Amino acid sequence: MSAPNTHRVVIRRKKGGSQPHHGGSWKIAYADFITAMMAFFLVMWLLSIVPRENLKGIADYFRMPLAVALTSGPNSSANTSAVPGGGADPVRDDGDVRRADGSRVQSQMTPSERRDRTRLENLKRKLDSIIDTNPVLKAFRPQLLLDITPEGLRIQIIDKENRPMFATGQAVVQPYMRDILRELGPMLNELPNRISIAGHTDAVQYARGERAYSNWELSADRANASRQELVAGGMHENKVLRVMGLSSGMSLVKDDPYAAVNRRISLVVLNERTQRQIEEENAAAAGAQPQSGAEIIDAARGGASGAAPAAAPASADAPPAARGQTRRED
């Protein structure tokens, strides 16, 4: 009889333990990643539908210095949106018309006007380059604002609190303002386009207000003094089409009409369309079409025989009676 099997059989069983709970933090990180990727692809899609010619304008907007942007500097008055090319239609170009199929066609601009605009844009780039390299103009770079407007290329020379362009309350050009104007004068001869000069003041008034010598006369005198310095620097005398004094009616900083930057001289190299409109308005005011210089002289001689002699105009060199009034420019 065999002996009984007395070997002990041991069975080891592991007790099942629950895994530790990790929570939902990974879901938050994953959601942030998905949101960032969606925003990235949205930006890429928007850039893909914007025309290539508008991308440069967007890049220039983000490169604009903060000080210039706060004072309504370049491109602020010529655009209806903060970002060039913006609006209800993000791919719409200023001056373009869209067909039903979505393609753009140029309108309202003749080939001559397109060439004129290209010349003005080239002049702007050249002036920017010269200002950055010319030792005289570079020192005054913060006071020079260049932009393209519907009228043409605008060059604004703005005042600063510690560096005014003119003597207080007068049209006497300061030496550094004279240097700026005489450096710019010869450069304006490079294009056949004519020039419009406008003077602006702040809202500080003379003691007698508008009743005597006022900001209107002061702004006009300063604009004319700037014209004289441009001519002295080498600009052709017949380049100027008009000289205007606008007083404080067109402030650069609307919220602060007394700000120093509102005192400025604005030079506009007129485009062909604006120059033609001004000449047509002048001809309409005279009740005739534009005449040649010989025709105007003949007409004046023909009417002078029967006309009474006019009173002699007051001397332009005589200072106004109200010039002695005080006017503060801080």
Protein backbone atom coordinates (compact mmCIF):
# COMPACT_ATOMS: atom_id res chain seq x y z
CA MET A 1 0.00 0.00 0.00
CA SER A 2 1.51 3.25 -1.07
CA ALA A 3 2.12 6.07 1.40
CA PRO A 4 -0.31 9.01 1.27
CA ASN A 5 0.84 12.23 -0.50
CA THR A 6 1.56 14.69 2.26
CA HIS A 7 3.05 17.56 0.11
CA ARG A 8 1.45 20.90 0.88
CA VAL A 9 0.22 22.83 -2.14
CA VAL A 10 0.46 26.60 -1.68
CA ILE A 11 -1.47 28.88 -4.04
CA ARG A 12 -0.54 32.57 -3.94
CA ARG A 13 -3.14 35.02 -5.14
CA LYS A 14 -2.45 38.74 -5.44
CA LYS A 15 -5.02 40.96 -3.99
CA GLY A 16 -6.42 43.31 -6.62
CA GLY A 17 -5.72 47.00 -5.71
CA SER A 18 -7.42 50.00 -7.27
CA GLN A 19 -5.31 52.33 -9.42
CA PRO A 20 -4.72 55.85 -8.02
CA HIS A 21 -7.06 58.52 -9.41
CA HIS A 22 -5.22 61.04 -11.70
CA GLY A 23 -8.00 63.62 -11.98
CA GLY A 24 -8.89 65.67 -15.13
CA SER A 25 -5.85 67.98 -15.35
CA TRP A 26 -4.75 66.38 -18.61
CA LYS A 27 -8.04 67.40 -20.17
CA ILE A 28 -7.36 71.07 -19.43
CA ALA A 29 -3.90 70.88 -20.99
CA TYR A 30 -5.31 69.09 -24.03
CA ALA A 31 -8.07 71.69 -24.42
CA ASP A 32 -5.48 74.52 -24.29
CA PHE A 33 -3.43 72.77 -26.97
CA ILE A 34 -6.44 72.33 -29.25
CA THR A 35 -7.47 76.00 -28.75
CA ALA A 36 -3.96 77.22 -29.61
CA MET A 37 -3.84 75.09 -32.75
CA MET A 38 -7.27 76.34 -33.85
CA ALA A 39 -6.16 79.96 -33.38
CA PHE A 40 -2.95 79.28 -35.31
CA PHE A 41 -4.75 77.77 -38.29
CA LEU A 42 -7.32 80.60 -38.19
CA VAL A 43 -4.50 83.17 -38.48
CA MET A 44 -2.90 81.18 -41.30
CA TRP A 45 -6.23 81.06 -43.16
CA LEU A 46 -6.76 84.83 -42.79
CA LEU A 47 -3.26 85.55 -44.09
CA SER A 48 -3.86 83.29 -47.07
CA ILE A 49 -6.96 85.22 -48.22
CA VAL A 50 -5.47 88.73 -47.77
CA PRO A 51 -3.97 90.03 -51.05
CA ARG A 52 -0.20 90.16 -51.15
CA GLU A 53 -0.20 93.93 -51.66
CA ASN A 54 -2.07 94.38 -48.36
CA LEU A 55 0.34 92.28 -46.29
CA LYS A 56 2.97 95.01 -46.46
CA GLY A 57 0.45 97.52 -45.11
CA ILE A 58 -0.36 95.24 -42.17
CA ALA A 59 3.33 94.79 -41.44
CA ASP A 60 3.91 98.56 -41.59
CA TYR A 61 1.06 99.08 -39.13
CA PHE A 62 2.73 96.89 -36.50
CA ARG A 63 6.08 98.59 -37.12
CA MET A 64 4.65 102.08 -36.49
CA PRO A 65 6.22 103.70 -33.41
CA LEU A 66 3.85 104.10 -30.48
CA ALA A 67 4.46 107.87 -30.22
CA VAL A 68 3.50 108.34 -33.86
CA ALA A 69 0.38 106.20 -33.47
CA LEU A 70 -0.77 108.17 -30.41
CA THR A 71 -0.43 111.47 -32.28
CA SER A 72 -2.38 110.21 -35.30
CA GLY A 73 0.71 109.80 -37.39
CA PRO A 74 1.21 108.16 -40.82
CA ASN A 75 -1.69 106.29 -42.40
CA SER A 76 -4.18 107.32 -39.70
CA SER A 77 -6.01 110.01 -41.65
CA ALA A 78 -5.92 108.23 -44.99
CA ASN A 79 -7.58 105.01 -43.80
CA THR A 80 -11.01 104.27 -42.36
CA SER A 81 -9.69 101.29 -40.40
CA ALA A 82 -6.80 100.91 -37.97
CA VAL A 83 -5.45 98.05 -40.09
CA PRO A 84 -4.94 98.95 -43.79
CA GLY A 85 -7.31 96.98 -46.01
CA GLY A 86 -9.77 96.31 -43.19
CA GLY A 87 -13.50 96.80 -43.18
CA ALA A 88 -16.55 94.74 -43.80
CA ASP A 89 -14.73 92.87 -46.55
CA PRO A 90 -11.24 91.83 -45.29
CA VAL A 91 -9.91 91.39 -48.80
CA ARG A 92 -11.18 94.68 -50.19
CA ASP A 93 -8.63 97.19 -51.49
CA ASP A 94 -9.17 100.94 -51.36
CA GLY A 95 -10.20 102.08 -54.82
CA ASP A 96 -11.05 98.55 -56.02
CA VAL A 97 -14.38 97.01 -57.02
CA ARG A 98 -15.27 93.34 -56.62
CA ARG A 99 -16.99 91.33 -59.35
CA ALA A 100 -19.65 88.77 -58.59
CA ASP A 101 -17.07 85.98 -58.84
CA GLY A 102 -14.95 87.63 -56.12
CA SER A 103 -12.13 88.88 -58.34
CA ARG A 104 -10.95 92.47 -57.99
CA VAL A 105 -10.80 95.07 -60.73
CA GLN A 106 -9.15 98.48 -60.54
CA SER A 107 -11.51 101.43 -60.99
CA GLN A 108 -11.68 105.20 -60.73
CA MET A 109 -7.96 105.53 -61.50
CA THR A 110 -6.51 106.17 -64.94
CA PRO A 111 -3.09 104.85 -66.00
CA SER A 112 -1.71 108.37 -65.63
CA GLU A 113 -3.00 108.60 -62.06
CA ARG A 114 -1.56 105.20 -61.21
CA ARG A 115 1.84 106.31 -62.49
CA ASP A 116 1.48 109.52 -60.51
CA ARG A 117 0.74 107.59 -57.31
CA THR A 118 3.73 105.33 -57.93
CA ARG A 119 5.98 108.38 -58.30
CA LEU A 120 4.68 109.82 -55.03
CA GLU A 121 5.23 106.52 -53.22
CA ASN A 122 8.77 106.34 -54.59
CA LEU A 123 9.39 109.91 -53.42
CA LYS A 124 8.12 109.01 -49.95
CA ARG A 125 10.51 106.06 -49.73
CA LYS A 126 13.37 108.24 -50.91
CA LEU A 127 12.57 110.96 -48.38
CA ASP A 128 12.39 108.37 -45.59
CA SER A 129 15.81 107.10 -46.60
CA ILE A 130 17.29 110.59 -46.83
CA ILE A 131 15.87 111.61 -43.45
CA ASP A 132 17.45 108.55 -41.84
CA THR A 133 20.87 109.27 -43.37
CA ASN A 134 21.02 113.07 -43.56
CA PRO A 135 22.68 114.36 -40.34
CA VAL A 136 20.59 117.55 -40.35
CA LEU A 137 17.21 115.88 -40.90
CA LYS A 138 17.93 112.81 -38.77
CA ALA A 139 18.16 114.97 -35.64
CA PHE A 140 14.56 116.10 -36.26
CA ARG A 141 13.13 112.71 -37.30
CA PRO A 142 10.47 112.66 -34.52
CA GLN A 143 9.12 115.97 -35.83
CA LEU A 144 8.75 114.80 -39.45
CA LEU A 145 5.67 112.77 -40.42
CA LEU A 146 5.27 111.42 -43.97
CA ASP A 147 2.17 109.72 -45.34
CA ILE A 148 0.13 109.29 -48.52
CA THR A 149 -3.29 110.98 -48.42
CA PRO A 150 -6.05 111.32 -51.05
CA GLU A 151 -4.47 114.68 -51.99
CA GLY A 152 -0.92 113.37 -52.43
CA LEU A 153 2.27 112.97 -50.39
CA ARG A 154 1.96 114.88 -47.11
CA ILE A 155 5.01 116.03 -45.16
CA GLN A 156 4.16 117.38 -41.71
CA ILE A 157 6.68 119.25 -39.57
CA ILE A 158 5.26 119.25 -36.05
CA ASP A 159 6.17 121.40 -33.08
CA LYS A 160 7.57 120.18 -29.77
CA GLU A 161 7.30 121.76 -26.35
CA ASN A 162 11.05 122.26 -25.99
CA ARG A 163 11.74 122.82 -29.71
CA PRO A 164 9.22 125.21 -31.31
CA MET A 165 9.45 125.89 -35.05
CA PHE A 166 8.64 129.60 -34.80
CA ALA A 167 9.09 132.39 -32.29
CA THR A 168 6.24 132.58 -29.79
CA GLY A 169 3.19 134.20 -31.35
CA GLN A 170 5.13 135.20 -34.47
CA ALA A 171 6.02 133.92 -37.93
CA VAL A 172 9.78 134.18 -37.34
CA VAL A 173 11.37 130.88 -38.40
CA GLN A 174 13.72 129.33 -35.85
CA PRO A 175 17.20 128.28 -37.12
CA TYR A 176 16.54 124.52 -36.93
CA MET A 177 13.21 124.89 -38.75
CA ARG A 178 15.06 126.87 -41.41
CA ASP A 179 17.55 124.00 -41.78
CA ILE A 180 14.74 121.47 -42.24
CA LEU A 181 12.94 123.50 -44.89
CA ARG A 182 16.08 124.32 -46.84
CA GLU A 183 17.07 120.65 -46.89
CA LEU A 184 13.61 119.63 -48.16
CA GLY A 185 13.37 122.37 -50.80
CA PRO A 186 15.59 120.83 -53.51
CA MET A 187 14.04 117.38 -53.04
CA LEU A 188 10.60 118.71 -54.02
CA ASN A 189 11.91 119.65 -57.47
CA GLU A 190 12.30 115.99 -58.47
CA LEU A 191 8.62 115.69 -59.46
CA PRO A 192 6.56 118.04 -61.66
CA ASN A 193 3.77 117.98 -59.07
CA ARG A 194 2.96 121.28 -57.40
CA ILE A 195 2.92 121.97 -53.67
CA SER A 196 0.27 123.05 -51.18
CA ILE A 197 1.46 124.58 -47.89
CA ALA A 198 -0.79 124.90 -44.83
CA GLY A 199 -0.08 126.42 -41.44
CA HIS A 200 -1.70 125.15 -38.24
CA THR A 201 -1.73 126.56 -34.71
CA ASP A 202 -2.96 125.38 -31.34
CA ALA A 203 -6.08 126.78 -29.68
CA VAL A 204 -4.27 129.43 -27.61
CA GLN A 205 -5.75 132.81 -28.58
CA TYR A 206 -4.44 136.36 -28.62
CA ALA A 207 -5.75 138.79 -26.01
CA ARG A 208 -8.30 140.28 -28.44
CA GLY A 209 -9.32 136.93 -29.90
CA GLU A 210 -10.60 136.95 -33.48
CA ARG A 211 -11.19 140.71 -33.68
CA ALA A 212 -7.62 141.68 -34.61
CA TYR A 213 -4.49 139.74 -35.47
CA SER A 214 -5.49 136.15 -34.66
CA ASN A 215 -4.43 132.56 -35.20
CA TRP A 216 -5.82 132.77 -38.74
CA GLU A 217 -3.31 135.44 -39.72
CA LEU A 218 -0.56 133.76 -37.71
CA SER A 219 -1.03 130.36 -39.41
CA ALA A 220 -1.09 132.00 -42.86
CA ASP A 221 2.04 134.03 -42.09
CA ARG A 222 3.86 130.94 -40.86
CA ALA A 223 2.88 128.99 -43.98
CA ASN A 224 4.18 131.81 -46.18
CA ALA A 225 7.41 132.06 -44.15
CA SER A 226 7.90 128.33 -44.74
CA ARG A 227 7.40 128.87 -48.47
CA GLN A 228 10.12 131.53 -48.45
CA GLU A 229 12.56 129.17 -46.72
CA LEU A 230 11.80 126.37 -49.20
CA VAL A 231 12.52 128.72 -52.09
CA ALA A 232 15.68 129.95 -50.38
CA GLY A 233 16.79 126.33 -50.09
CA GLY A 234 16.46 125.73 -53.84
CA MET A 235 12.82 124.88 -54.54
CA HIS A 236 11.47 126.40 -57.76
CA GLU A 237 9.27 129.42 -57.12
CA ASN A 238 6.44 128.18 -59.36
CA LYS A 239 6.12 124.88 -57.45
CA VAL A 240 3.70 126.33 -54.90
CA LEU A 241 0.04 126.22 -55.94
CA ARG A 242 -1.52 127.55 -52.74
CA VAL A 243 -0.60 128.73 -49.25
CA MET A 244 -3.24 128.41 -46.53
CA GLY A 245 -3.68 129.36 -42.89
CA LEU A 246 -6.02 126.95 -41.08
CA SER A 247 -5.64 128.28 -37.52
CA SER A 248 -6.60 125.58 -34.97
CA GLY A 249 -9.47 124.20 -37.01
CA MET A 250 -7.73 120.92 -37.90
CA SER A 251 -6.01 119.75 -34.71
CA LEU A 252 -3.71 116.75 -34.90
CA VAL A 253 -4.72 115.73 -31.37
CA LYS A 254 -8.48 116.18 -31.21
CA ASP A 255 -8.72 115.62 -27.45
CA ASP A 256 -6.14 118.29 -26.62
CA PRO A 257 -6.38 121.36 -28.91
CA TYR A 258 -3.63 123.06 -26.87
CA ALA A 259 -1.05 120.30 -27.47
CA ALA A 260 2.26 121.39 -28.98
CA VAL A 261 1.99 118.90 -31.88
CA ASN A 262 -1.04 120.81 -33.19
CA ARG A 263 1.33 123.63 -34.19
CA ARG A 264 2.66 122.35 -37.48
CA ILE A 265 3.38 123.07 -41.12
CA SER A 266 1.88 120.68 -43.66
CA LEU A 267 3.47 120.34 -47.12
CA VAL A 268 1.46 118.31 -49.65
CA VAL A 269 2.96 117.22 -52.95
CA LEU A 270 -0.33 117.24 -54.84
CA ASN A 271 -1.33 114.37 -57.10
CA GLU A 272 -2.66 115.06 -60.57
CA ARG A 273 -6.32 114.67 -59.63
CA THR A 274 -6.17 117.12 -56.69
CA GLN A 275 -4.15 119.64 -58.66
CA ARG A 276 -6.67 119.47 -61.52
CA GLN A 277 -9.59 119.94 -59.10
CA ILE A 278 -8.00 123.03 -57.55
CA GLU A 279 -7.34 124.56 -60.96
CA GLU A 280 -10.90 123.79 -62.10
CA GLU A 281 -12.35 125.37 -58.93
CA ASN A 282 -10.24 128.44 -59.52
CA ALA A 283 -11.42 128.62 -63.14
CA ALA A 284 -15.05 128.17 -62.08
CA ALA A 285 -14.70 130.97 -59.54
CA ALA A 286 -13.41 133.23 -62.30
CA GLY A 287 -16.35 132.24 -64.51
CA ALA A 288 -14.14 130.85 -67.29
CA GLN A 289 -12.05 127.88 -68.27
CA PRO A 290 -8.31 127.92 -67.39
CA GLN A 291 -6.54 130.49 -69.56
CA SER A 292 -2.96 130.91 -70.55
CA GLY A 293 -0.84 133.59 -68.92
CA ALA A 294 -0.93 135.76 -72.07
CA GLU A 295 -4.75 135.66 -72.21
CA ILE A 296 -5.05 136.68 -68.56
CA ILE A 297 -2.64 139.62 -69.07
CA ASP A 298 -4.50 140.77 -72.18
CA ALA A 299 -7.82 140.60 -70.35
CA ALA A 300 -6.41 142.58 -67.43
CA ARG A 301 -5.01 145.26 -69.76
CA GLY A 302 -8.30 145.53 -71.61
CA GLY A 303 -10.27 146.08 -68.41
CA ALA A 304 -7.76 148.42 -66.83
CA SER A 305 -8.50 151.33 -69.23
CA GLY A 306 -12.03 151.88 -67.97
CA ALA A 307 -11.51 150.90 -64.38
CA ALA A 308 -10.79 153.30 -61.57
CA PRO A 309 -7.40 152.90 -59.96
CA ALA A 310 -7.56 150.66 -56.94
CA ALA A 311 -6.27 151.67 -53.55
CA ALA A 312 -2.68 150.65 -52.89
CA PRO A 313 -2.48 147.52 -50.75
CA ALA A 314 -0.95 147.70 -47.32
CA SER A 315 2.71 146.85 -47.17
CA ALA A 316 3.32 143.20 -46.40
CA ASP A 317 6.38 144.18 -44.40
CA ALA A 318 4.40 146.33 -42.00
CA PRO A 319 3.74 144.39 -38.79
CA PRO A 320 0.07 144.08 -37.75
CA ALA A 321 -1.09 146.45 -35.06
CA ALA A 322 -1.99 143.57 -32.85
CA ARG A 323 1.40 141.86 -33.04
CA GLY A 324 2.25 143.28 -29.65
CA GLN A 325 -0.45 141.21 -28.01
CA THR A 326 0.70 138.31 -25.93
CA ARG A 327 0.25 134.75 -27.03
CA ARG A 328 1.72 131.93 -25.00
CA GLU A 329 3.11 128.78 -26.63
CA ASP A 330 4.46 126.34 -24.09
